[in-house]
């Protein structure tokens, strides 16, 4: 199981659930599972940065996820 931790903007969609678990093997499967359960999540995922086991990724779609991995979605900070 992969643990998912959501940032505040996503909590309204999950009725306040901050931590979720999914049985997936990569980041793409995870995003598909999240969007299947909450279709509105797709836009928020696109606008979020993601950290997998503490490593921040800009493009994580090919990243494998081991059982016990933690994925954290956070607001993306645009630099200027």
Protein backbone atom coordinates (compact mmCIF):
# COMPACT_ATOMS: atom_id res chain seq x y z
CA UNK A 1 0.00 0.00 0.00
CA UNK A 2 1.11 3.53 -0.79
CA UNK A 3 0.29 6.28 1.67
CA UNK A 4 -0.98 9.54 0.17
CA UNK A 5 -0.92 12.80 2.14
CA UNK A 6 -3.02 15.63 0.72
CA UNK A 7 -2.57 19.36 1.12
CA UNK A 8 -5.36 21.62 2.36
CA UNK A 9 -6.84 22.53 -1.07
CA UNK A 10 -7.57 18.84 -1.72
CA UNK A 11 -9.26 18.12 1.61
CA UNK A 12 -12.64 19.50 0.57
CA UNK A 13 -12.89 16.80 -2.11
CA UNK A 14 -12.10 13.99 0.33
CA UNK A 15 -14.43 15.25 3.07
CA UNK A 16 -11.42 16.16 5.20
CA UNK A 17 -9.42 12.96 4.79
CA UNK A 18 -5.76 14.00 4.75
CA UNK A 19 -4.15 10.54 4.59
CA UNK A 20 -5.28 7.81 2.19
CA UNK A 21 -3.85 4.46 1.10
CA UNK A 22 -3.88 2.88 -2.35
CA UNK A 23 -2.55 -0.39 -3.76
CA UNK A 24 -0.65 0.91 -6.81
CA UNK A 25 2.79 0.31 -8.31
CA UNK A 26 3.60 3.70 -9.86
CA UNK A 27 2.67 7.37 -9.71
CA UNK A 28 0.51 7.25 -12.85
CA UNK A 29 -1.65 4.47 -11.35
CA UNK A 30 -1.95 6.53 -8.18
CA UNK A 31 -3.19 9.63 -10.00
CA UNK A 32 -5.67 7.52 -11.97
CA UNK A 33 -6.97 5.96 -8.74
CA UNK A 34 -7.36 9.36 -7.10
CA UNK A 35 -9.18 10.79 -10.12
CA UNK A 36 -11.43 7.74 -10.43
CA UNK A 37 -12.62 8.30 -6.87
CA UNK A 38 -12.70 12.11 -7.06
CA UNK A 39 -12.81 13.35 -10.69
CA UNK A 40 -12.33 16.98 -9.61
CA UNK A 41 -8.93 15.98 -8.20
CA UNK A 42 -7.37 15.98 -11.71
CA UNK A 43 -7.10 19.78 -11.88
CA UNK A 44 -5.63 20.00 -8.39
CA UNK A 45 -3.08 17.27 -9.15
CA UNK A 46 -1.97 19.14 -12.28
CA UNK A 47 -1.43 22.27 -10.18
CA UNK A 48 0.40 20.47 -7.38
CA UNK A 49 3.97 19.55 -6.73
CA UNK A 50 4.60 16.04 -5.48
CA UNK A 51 7.13 14.54 -3.10
CA UNK A 52 7.70 10.79 -3.11
CA UNK A 53 9.48 9.57 0.00
CA UNK A 54 10.84 13.10 0.54
CA UNK A 55 12.11 13.62 -3.04
CA UNK A 56 10.31 16.43 -4.93
CA UNK A 57 9.42 15.72 -8.57
CA UNK A 58 8.23 17.95 -11.38
CA UNK A 59 7.38 14.98 -13.62
CA UNK A 60 6.74 11.87 -11.56
CA UNK A 61 4.52 9.89 -13.96
CA UNK A 62 7.11 7.18 -14.60
CA UNK A 63 8.20 6.90 -10.96
CA UNK A 64 7.66 3.47 -9.41
CA UNK A 65 6.13 3.31 -5.94
CA UNK A 66 7.14 0.60 -3.51
CA UNK A 67 4.78 -0.63 -0.85
CA UNK A 68 5.16 1.72 2.11
CA UNK A 69 6.06 4.73 -0.04
CA UNK A 70 4.64 8.08 1.01
CA UNK A 71 3.36 10.51 -1.61
CA UNK A 72 2.68 14.08 -0.56
CA UNK A 73 0.78 16.51 -2.77
CA UNK A 74 1.47 20.18 -2.05
CA UNK A 75 0.68 23.51 -3.68
CA UNK A 76 3.18 24.36 -6.42
CA UNK A 77 5.16 27.52 -5.79
CA UNK A 78 5.83 29.45 -8.95
CA UNK A 79 9.15 31.31 -8.80
CA UNK A 80 9.62 34.71 -10.28
